[in-house]
Amino acid sequence: MDKAIVTVSIDGTNIEKDLEIPIDISVKEVCVAIKKALDIDSKDINISGYYIKTKHPTGFLKGNDILKKFNVCDGTKIILI
């Protein structure tokens, strides 16, 4: 299983964490895992669905997109929207 250390943030909040995540999983799977790990639901933060923006490389991923296919790697910033 390939992994990367990425910076995860939640759009519209000041939440930002460095996390090691697998990159051979879908956007949906990573969104569910991040929401659970950061306990987003109990903080009354609304995330629109299974969509992320990325920086380094720049991209917009959704649903069943696999992170690795979009070159997510160490240093990528992932923004849940």
PDB file of N, CA and C in Angstrom:
ATOM      1  N   MET A   1       0.848  -1.178   0.000  1.00  0.00           N
ATOM      2  CA  MET A   1       0.000   0.000   0.000  1.00  0.00           C
ATOM      3  C   MET A   1       0.894   1.241   0.000  1.00  0.00           C
ATOM      4  N   ASP A   2       0.732   2.068  -1.016  1.00  0.00           N
ATOM      5  CA  ASP A   2       1.497   3.307  -1.110  1.00  0.00           C
ATOM      6  C   ASP A   2       0.886   4.358  -0.197  1.00  0.00           C
ATOM      7  N   LYS A   3       1.742   5.154   0.425  1.00  0.00           N
ATOM      8  CA  LYS A   3       1.278   6.192   1.347  1.00  0.00           C
ATOM      9  C   LYS A   3       1.966   7.509   1.039  1.00  0.00           C
ATOM     10  N   ALA A   4       1.372   8.593   1.529  1.00  0.00           N
ATOM     11  CA  ALA A   4       1.966   9.922   1.386  1.00  0.00           C
ATOM     12  C   ALA A   4       1.636  10.728   2.633  1.00  0.00           C
ATOM     13  N   ILE A   5       2.527  11.633   2.975  1.00  0.00           N
ATOM     14  CA  ILE A   5       2.268  12.573   4.067  1.00  0.00           C
ATOM     15  C   ILE A   5       1.746  13.845   3.424  1.00  0.00           C
ATOM     16  N   VAL A   6       0.485  14.159   3.728  1.00  0.00           N
ATOM     17  CA  VAL A   6      -0.196  15.291   3.108  1.00  0.00           C
ATOM     18  C   VAL A   6      -0.699  16.238   4.191  1.00  0.00           C
ATOM     19  N   THR A   7      -0.979  17.462   3.789  1.00  0.00           N
ATOM     20  CA  THR A   7      -1.623  18.423   4.677  1.00  0.00           C
ATOM     21  C   THR A   7      -3.096  18.440   4.323  1.00  0.00           C
ATOM     22  N   VAL A   8      -3.932  18.161   5.310  1.00  0.00           N
ATOM     23  CA  VAL A   8      -5.378  18.107   5.105  1.00  0.00           C
ATOM     24  C   VAL A   8      -6.001  19.324   5.759  1.00  0.00           C
ATOM     25  N   SER A   9      -6.859  20.020   5.017  1.00  0.00           N
ATOM     26  CA  SER A   9      -7.603  21.137   5.601  1.00  0.00           C
ATOM     27  C   SER A   9      -9.069  21.013   5.209  1.00  0.00           C
ATOM     28  N   ILE A  10      -9.909  21.701   5.972  1.00  0.00           N
ATOM     29  CA  ILE A  10     -11.344  21.714   5.718  1.00  0.00           C
ATOM     30  C   ILE A  10     -11.697  23.112   5.250  1.00  0.00           C
ATOM     31  N   ASP A  11     -12.273  23.219   4.057  1.00  0.00           N
ATOM     32  CA  ASP A  11     -12.633  24.509   3.478  1.00  0.00           C
ATOM     33  C   ASP A  11     -13.549  25.285   4.426  1.00  0.00           C
ATOM     34  N   GLY A  12     -13.239  26.552   4.656  1.00  0.00           N
ATOM     35  CA  GLY A  12     -14.059  27.410   5.497  1.00  0.00           C
ATOM     36  C   GLY A  12     -13.778  27.301   6.982  1.00  0.00           C
ATOM     37  N   THR A  13     -12.747  26.542   7.360  1.00  0.00           N
ATOM     38  CA  THR A  13     -12.372  26.416   8.773  1.00  0.00           C
ATOM     39  C   THR A  13     -10.874  26.676   8.908  1.00  0.00           C
ATOM     40  N   ASN A  14     -10.407  26.681  10.146  1.00  0.00           N
ATOM     41  CA  ASN A  14      -8.966  26.817  10.374  1.00  0.00           C
ATOM     42  C   ASN A  14      -8.322  25.465  10.682  1.00  0.00           C
ATOM     43  N   ILE A  15      -9.047  24.383  10.419  1.00  0.00           N
ATOM     44  CA  ILE A  15      -8.517  23.039  10.655  1.00  0.00           C
ATOM     45  C   ILE A  15      -7.488  22.708   9.579  1.00  0.00           C
ATOM     46  N   GLU A  16      -6.302  22.313  10.019  1.00  0.00           N
ATOM     47  CA  GLU A  16      -5.240  21.902   9.100  1.00  0.00           C
ATOM     48  C   GLU A  16      -4.339  20.924   9.836  1.00  0.00           C
ATOM     49  N   LYS A  17      -4.180  19.727   9.288  1.00  0.00           N
ATOM     50  CA  LYS A  17      -3.394  18.668   9.920  1.00  0.00           C
ATOM     51  C   LYS A  17      -2.506  17.993   8.892  1.00  0.00           C
ATOM     52  N   ASP A  18      -1.324  17.596   9.315  1.00  0.00           N
ATOM     53  CA  ASP A  18      -0.456  16.761   8.490  1.00  0.00           C
ATOM     54  C   ASP A  18      -0.774  15.307   8.829  1.00  0.00           C
ATOM     55  N   LEU A  19      -1.114  14.531   7.814  1.00  0.00           N
ATOM     56  CA  LEU A  19      -1.493  13.136   8.010  1.00  0.00           C
ATOM     57  C   LEU A  19      -0.798  12.243   6.993  1.00  0.00           C
ATOM     58  N   GLU A  20      -0.507  11.023   7.409  1.00  0.00           N
ATOM     59  CA  GLU A  20      -0.031  10.013   6.471  1.00  0.00           C
ATOM     60  C   GLU A  20      -1.252   9.213   6.030  1.00  0.00           C
ATOM     61  N   ILE A  21      -1.495   9.193   4.730  1.00  0.00           N
ATOM     62  CA  ILE A  21      -2.674   8.507   4.206  1.00  0.00           C
ATOM     63  C   ILE A  21      -2.272   7.569   3.075  1.00  0.00           C
ATOM     64  N   PRO A  22      -3.048   6.505   2.869  1.00  0.00           N
ATOM     65  CA  PRO A  22      -2.811   5.669   1.686  1.00  0.00           C
ATOM     66  C   PRO A  22      -3.263   6.433   0.451  1.00  0.00           C
ATOM     67  N   ILE A  23      -2.557   6.258  -0.650  1.00  0.00           N
ATOM     68  CA  ILE A  23      -2.927   6.991  -1.862  1.00  0.00           C
ATOM     69  C   ILE A  23      -3.531   6.088  -2.933  1.00  0.00           C
ATOM     70  N   ASP A  24      -3.656   4.809  -2.628  1.00  0.00           N
ATOM     71  CA  ASP A  24      -4.289   3.909  -3.589  1.00  0.00           C
ATOM     72  C   ASP A  24      -5.743   3.636  -3.205  1.00  0.00           C
ATOM     73  N   ILE A  25      -6.401   4.662  -2.634  1.00  0.00           N
ATOM     74  CA  ILE A  25      -7.811   4.582  -2.273  1.00  0.00           C
ATOM     75  C   ILE A  25      -8.565   5.726  -2.948  1.00  0.00           C
ATOM     76  N   SER A  26      -9.881   5.637  -2.900  1.00  0.00           N
ATOM     77  CA  SER A  26     -10.712   6.639  -3.569  1.00  0.00           C
ATOM     78  C   SER A  26     -10.895   7.886  -2.707  1.00  0.00           C
ATOM     79  N   VAL A  27     -11.340   8.939  -3.350  1.00  0.00           N
ATOM     80  CA  VAL A  27     -11.658  10.184  -2.650  1.00  0.00           C
ATOM     81  C   VAL A  27     -12.727   9.915  -1.595  1.00  0.00           C
ATOM     82  N   LYS A  28     -13.722   9.132  -1.949  1.00  0.00           N
ATOM     83  CA  LYS A  28     -14.797   8.815  -1.001  1.00  0.00           C
ATOM     84  C   LYS A  28     -14.236   8.155   0.250  1.00  0.00           C
ATOM     85  N   GLU A  29     -13.352   7.175   0.078  1.00  0.00           N
ATOM     86  CA  GLU A  29     -12.765   6.467   1.218  1.00  0.00           C
ATOM     87  C   GLU A  29     -11.922   7.399   2.081  1.00  0.00           C
ATOM     88  N   VAL A  30     -11.133   8.252   1.458  1.00  0.00           N
ATOM     89  CA  VAL A  30     -10.280   9.147   2.241  1.00  0.00           C
ATOM     90  C   VAL A  30     -11.120  10.206   2.955  1.00  0.00           C
ATOM     91  N   CYS A  31     -12.186  10.686   2.326  1.00  0.00           N
ATOM     92  CA  CYS A  31     -13.059  11.671   2.980  1.00  0.00           C
ATOM     93  C   CYS A  31     -13.716  11.079   4.222  1.00  0.00           C
ATOM     94  N   VAL A  32     -14.218   9.858   4.097  1.00  0.00           N
ATOM     95  CA  VAL A  32     -14.847   9.190   5.239  1.00  0.00           C
ATOM     96  C   VAL A  32     -13.834   9.014   6.369  1.00  0.00           C
ATOM     97  N   ALA A  33     -12.629   8.564   6.039  1.00  0.00           N
ATOM     98  CA  ALA A  33     -11.599   8.331   7.051  1.00  0.00           C
ATOM     99  C   ALA A  33     -11.170   9.631   7.730  1.00  0.00           C
ATOM    100  N   ILE A  34     -10.994  10.695   6.955  1.00  0.00           N
ATOM    101  CA  ILE A  34     -10.576  11.980   7.527  1.00  0.00           C
ATOM    102  C   ILE A  34     -11.679  12.555   8.409  1.00  0.00           C
ATOM    103  N   LYS A  35     -12.927  12.469   7.948  1.00  0.00           N
ATOM    104  CA  LYS A  35     -14.044  12.961   8.761  1.00  0.00           C
ATOM    105  C   LYS A  35     -14.101  12.236  10.098  1.00  0.00           C
ATOM    106  N   LYS A  36     -13.862  10.939  10.080  1.00  0.00           N
ATOM    107  CA  LYS A  36     -13.879  10.160  11.315  1.00  0.00           C
ATOM    108  C   LYS A  36     -12.667  10.488  12.189  1.00  0.00           C
ATOM    109  N   ALA A  37     -11.488  10.556  11.586  1.00  0.00           N
ATOM    110  CA  ALA A  37     -10.260  10.814  12.344  1.00  0.00           C
ATOM    111  C   ALA A  37     -10.271  12.184  13.011  1.00  0.00           C
ATOM    112  N   LEU A  38     -10.804  13.183  12.313  1.00  0.00           N
ATOM    113  CA  LEU A  38     -10.832  14.547  12.858  1.00  0.00           C
ATOM    114  C   LEU A  38     -12.146  14.858  13.570  1.00  0.00           C
ATOM    115  N   ASP A  39     -13.041  13.879  13.667  1.00  0.00           N
ATOM    116  CA  ASP A  39     -14.328  14.013  14.361  1.00  0.00           C
ATOM    117  C   ASP A  39     -15.107  15.223  13.850  1.00  0.00           C
ATOM    118  N   ILE A  40     -15.187  15.339  12.533  1.00  0.00           N
ATOM    119  CA  ILE A  40     -15.814  16.489  11.874  1.00  0.00           C
ATOM    120  C   ILE A  40     -17.303  16.589  12.184  1.00  0.00           C
ATOM    121  N   ASP A  41     -18.010  15.461  12.199  1.00  0.00           N
ATOM    122  CA  ASP A  41     -19.460  15.490  12.401  1.00  0.00           C
ATOM    123  C   ASP A  41     -19.854  16.114  13.736  1.00  0.00           C
ATOM    124  N   SER A  42     -19.071  15.884  14.782  1.00  0.00           N
ATOM    125  CA  SER A  42     -19.418  16.438  16.095  1.00  0.00           C
ATOM    126  C   SER A  42     -19.077  17.920  16.213  1.00  0.00           C
ATOM    127  N   LYS A  43     -18.336  18.454  15.259  1.00  0.00           N
ATOM    128  CA  LYS A  43     -17.944  19.866  15.300  1.00  0.00           C
ATOM    129  C   LYS A  43     -18.886  20.738  14.484  1.00  0.00           C
ATOM    130  N   ASP A  44     -19.994  20.165  14.020  1.00  0.00           N
ATOM    131  CA  ASP A  44     -21.012  20.900  13.264  1.00  0.00           C
ATOM    132  C   ASP A  44     -20.423  21.587  12.028  1.00  0.00           C
ATOM    133  N   ILE A  45     -19.534  20.859  11.338  1.00  0.00           N
ATOM    134  CA  ILE A  45     -18.932  21.359  10.103  1.00  0.00           C
ATOM    135  C   ILE A  45     -19.578  20.610   8.946  1.00  0.00           C
ATOM    136  N   ASN A  46     -20.046  21.340   7.953  1.00  0.00           N
ATOM    137  CA  ASN A  46     -20.719  20.730   6.812  1.00  0.00           C
ATOM    138  C   ASN A  46     -19.741  20.566   5.652  1.00  0.00           C
ATOM    139  N   ILE A  47     -19.571  19.338   5.228  1.00  0.00           N
ATOM    140  CA  ILE A  47     -18.762  19.045   4.043  1.00  0.00           C
ATOM    141  C   ILE A  47     -19.734  18.610   2.959  1.00  0.00           C
ATOM    142  N   SER A  48     -19.603  19.192   1.768  1.00  0.00           N
ATOM    143  CA  SER A  48     -20.612  19.050   0.716  1.00  0.00           C
ATOM    144  C   SER A  48     -20.759  17.637   0.159  1.00  0.00           C
ATOM    145  N   GLY A  49     -19.795  16.813   0.325  1.00  0.00           N
ATOM    146  CA  GLY A  49     -19.846  15.460  -0.238  1.00  0.00           C
ATOM    147  C   GLY A  49     -18.450  14.911  -0.351  1.00  0.00           C
ATOM    148  N   TYR A  50     -18.222  14.132  -1.370  1.00  0.00           N
ATOM    149  CA  TYR A  50     -16.923  13.504  -1.554  1.00  0.00           C
ATOM    150  C   TYR A  50     -16.146  14.230  -2.637  1.00  0.00           C
ATOM    151  N   TYR A  51     -15.737  15.449  -2.314  1.00  0.00           N
ATOM    152  CA  TYR A  51     -14.977  16.291  -3.231  1.00  0.00           C
ATOM    153  C   TYR A  51     -13.761  16.841  -2.503  1.00  0.00           C
ATOM    154  N   ILE A  52     -12.616  16.864  -3.188  1.00  0.00           N
ATOM    155  CA  ILE A  52     -11.433  17.505  -2.626  1.00  0.00           C
ATOM    156  C   ILE A  52     -10.737  18.329  -3.704  1.00  0.00           C
ATOM    157  N   LYS A  53     -10.124  19.407  -3.251  1.00  0.00           N
ATOM    158  CA  LYS A  53      -9.206  20.169  -4.093  1.00  0.00           C
ATOM    159  C   LYS A  53      -7.816  19.776  -3.641  1.00  0.00           C
ATOM    160  N   THR A  54      -6.868  19.780  -4.568  1.00  0.00           N
ATOM    161  CA  THR A  54      -5.485  19.497  -4.205  1.00  0.00           C
ATOM    162  C   THR A  54      -4.577  20.610  -4.702  1.00  0.00           C
ATOM    163  N   LYS A  55      -3.500  20.800  -3.961  1.00  0.00           N
ATOM    164  CA  LYS A  55      -2.427  21.706  -4.379  1.00  0.00           C
ATOM    165  C   LYS A  55      -1.134  20.910  -4.320  1.00  0.00           C
ATOM    166  N   HIS A  56      -0.312  21.070  -5.317  1.00  0.00           N
ATOM    167  CA  HIS A  56       0.992  20.377  -5.438  1.00  0.00           C
ATOM    168  C   HIS A  56       0.803  18.885  -5.613  1.00  0.00           C
ATOM    169  N   PRO A  57       0.153  18.400  -6.620  1.00  0.00           N
ATOM    170  CA  PRO A  57      -0.336  19.061  -7.830  1.00  0.00           C
ATOM    171  C   PRO A  57      -1.736  19.646  -7.646  1.00  0.00           C
ATOM    172  N   THR A  58      -2.064  20.617  -8.493  1.00  0.00           N
ATOM    173  CA  THR A  58      -3.373  21.251  -8.459  1.00  0.00           C
ATOM    174  C   THR A  58      -4.395  20.339  -9.131  1.00  0.00           C
ATOM    175  N   GLY A  59      -5.535  20.155  -8.461  1.00  0.00           N
ATOM    176  CA  GLY A  59      -6.559  19.308  -9.050  1.00  0.00           C
ATOM    177  C   GLY A  59      -7.876  19.400  -8.315  1.00  0.00           C
ATOM    178  N   PHE A  60      -8.885  18.799  -8.895  1.00  0.00           N
ATOM    179  CA  PHE A  60     -10.210  18.668  -8.290  1.00  0.00           C
ATOM    180  C   PHE A  60     -10.622  17.217  -8.466  1.00  0.00           C
ATOM    181  N   LEU A  61     -10.799  16.517  -7.363  1.00  0.00           N
ATOM    182  CA  LEU A  61     -11.101  15.092  -7.400  1.00  0.00           C
ATOM    183  C   LEU A  61     -12.446  14.839  -6.746  1.00  0.00           C
ATOM    184  N   LYS A  62     -13.105  13.774  -7.176  1.00  0.00           N
ATOM    185  CA  LYS A  62     -14.417  13.470  -6.616  1.00  0.00           C
ATOM    186  C   LYS A  62     -14.651  11.973  -6.542  1.00  0.00           C
ATOM    187  N   GLY A  63     -15.530  11.584  -5.646  1.00  0.00           N
ATOM    188  CA  GLY A  63     -16.070  10.231  -5.546  1.00  0.00           C
ATOM    189  C   GLY A  63     -15.102   9.087  -5.674  1.00  0.00           C
ATOM    190  N   ASN A  64     -15.133   8.421  -6.809  1.00  0.00           N
ATOM    191  CA  ASN A  64     -14.337   7.214  -7.017  1.00  0.00           C
ATOM    192  C   ASN A  64     -12.961   7.462  -7.621  1.00  0.00           C
ATOM    193  N   ASP A  65     -12.553   8.726  -7.771  1.00  0.00           N
ATOM    194  CA  ASP A  65     -11.197   9.026  -8.251  1.00  0.00           C
ATOM    195  C   ASP A  65     -10.180   8.462  -7.258  1.00  0.00           C
ATOM    196  N   ILE A  66      -9.147   7.811  -7.772  1.00  0.00           N
ATOM    197  CA  ILE A  66      -8.086   7.244  -6.939  1.00  0.00           C
ATOM    198  C   ILE A  66      -6.975   8.285  -6.803  1.00  0.00           C
ATOM    199  N   LEU A  67      -6.576   8.568  -5.567  1.00  0.00           N
ATOM    200  CA  LEU A  67      -5.593   9.626  -5.303  1.00  0.00           C
ATOM    201  C   LEU A  67      -4.305   9.430  -6.097  1.00  0.00           C
ATOM    202  N   LYS A  68      -3.802   8.206  -6.148  1.00  0.00           N
ATOM    203  CA  LYS A  68      -2.532   7.921  -6.821  1.00  0.00           C
ATOM    204  C   LYS A  68      -2.570   8.292  -8.305  1.00  0.00           C
ATOM    205  N   LYS A  69      -3.708   8.105  -8.957  1.00  0.00           N
ATOM    206  CA  LYS A  69      -3.838   8.408 -10.388  1.00  0.00           C
ATOM    207  C   LYS A  69      -3.736   9.906 -10.666  1.00  0.00           C
ATOM    208  N   PHE A  70      -3.903  10.716  -9.628  1.00  0.00           N
ATOM    209  CA  PHE A  70      -3.819  12.166  -9.774  1.00  0.00           C
ATOM    210  C   PHE A  70      -2.533  12.705  -9.149  1.00  0.00           C
ATOM    211  N   ASN A  71      -1.559  11.820  -8.952  1.00  0.00           N
ATOM    212  CA  ASN A  71      -0.215  12.164  -8.482  1.00  0.00           C
ATOM    213  C   ASN A  71      -0.177  12.791  -7.097  1.00  0.00           C
ATOM    214  N   VAL A  72      -1.109  12.408  -6.215  1.00  0.00           N
ATOM    215  CA  VAL A  72      -1.031  12.838  -4.820  1.00  0.00           C
ATOM    216  C   VAL A  72       0.214  12.191  -4.230  1.00  0.00           C
ATOM    217  N   CYS A  73       1.043  13.008  -3.555  1.00  0.00           N
ATOM    218  CA  CYS A  73       2.315  12.522  -3.039  1.00  0.00           C
ATOM    219  C   CYS A  73       2.681  13.306  -1.778  1.00  0.00           C
ATOM    220  N   ASP A  74       3.850  13.000  -1.202  1.00  0.00           N
ATOM    221  CA  ASP A  74       4.315  13.754  -0.035  1.00  0.00           C
ATOM    222  C   ASP A  74       4.292  15.246  -0.351  1.00  0.00           C
ATOM    223  N   GLY A  75       3.717  16.033   0.558  1.00  0.00           N
ATOM    224  CA  GLY A  75       3.676  17.478   0.380  1.00  0.00           C
ATOM    225  C   GLY A  75       2.420  18.005  -0.282  1.00  0.00           C
ATOM    226  N   THR A  76       1.565  17.114  -0.793  1.00  0.00           N
ATOM    227  CA  THR A  76       0.305  17.557  -1.397  1.00  0.00           C
ATOM    228  C   THR A  76      -0.596  18.134  -0.309  1.00  0.00           C
ATOM    229  N   LYS A  77      -1.316  19.188  -0.654  1.00  0.00           N
ATOM    230  CA  LYS A  77      -2.322  19.742   0.251  1.00  0.00           C
ATOM    231  C   LYS A  77      -3.683  19.289  -0.248  1.00  0.00           C
ATOM    232  N   ILE A  78      -4.463  18.674   0.643  1.00  0.00           N
ATOM    233  CA  ILE A  78      -5.805  18.196   0.327  1.00  0.00           C
ATOM    234  C   ILE A  78      -6.802  19.057   1.083  1.00  0.00           C
ATOM    235  N   ILE A  79      -7.768  19.613   0.355  1.00  0.00           N
ATOM    236  CA  ILE A  79      -8.780  20.478   0.958  1.00  0.00           C
ATOM    237  C   ILE A  79     -10.139  19.825   0.758  1.00  0.00           C
ATOM    238  N   LEU A  80     -10.790  19.440   1.859  1.00  0.00           N
ATOM    239  CA  LEU A  80     -12.140  18.893   1.777  1.00  0.00           C
ATOM    240  C   LEU A  80     -13.108  20.044   1.604  1.00  0.00           C
ATOM    241  N   ILE A  81     -13.994  19.931   0.605  1.00  0.00           N
ATOM    242  CA  ILE A  81     -14.948  21.016   0.344  1.00  0.00           C
ATOM    243  C   ILE A  81     -16.377  20.508   0.449  1.00  0.00           C
TER     244      ILE A  81
END
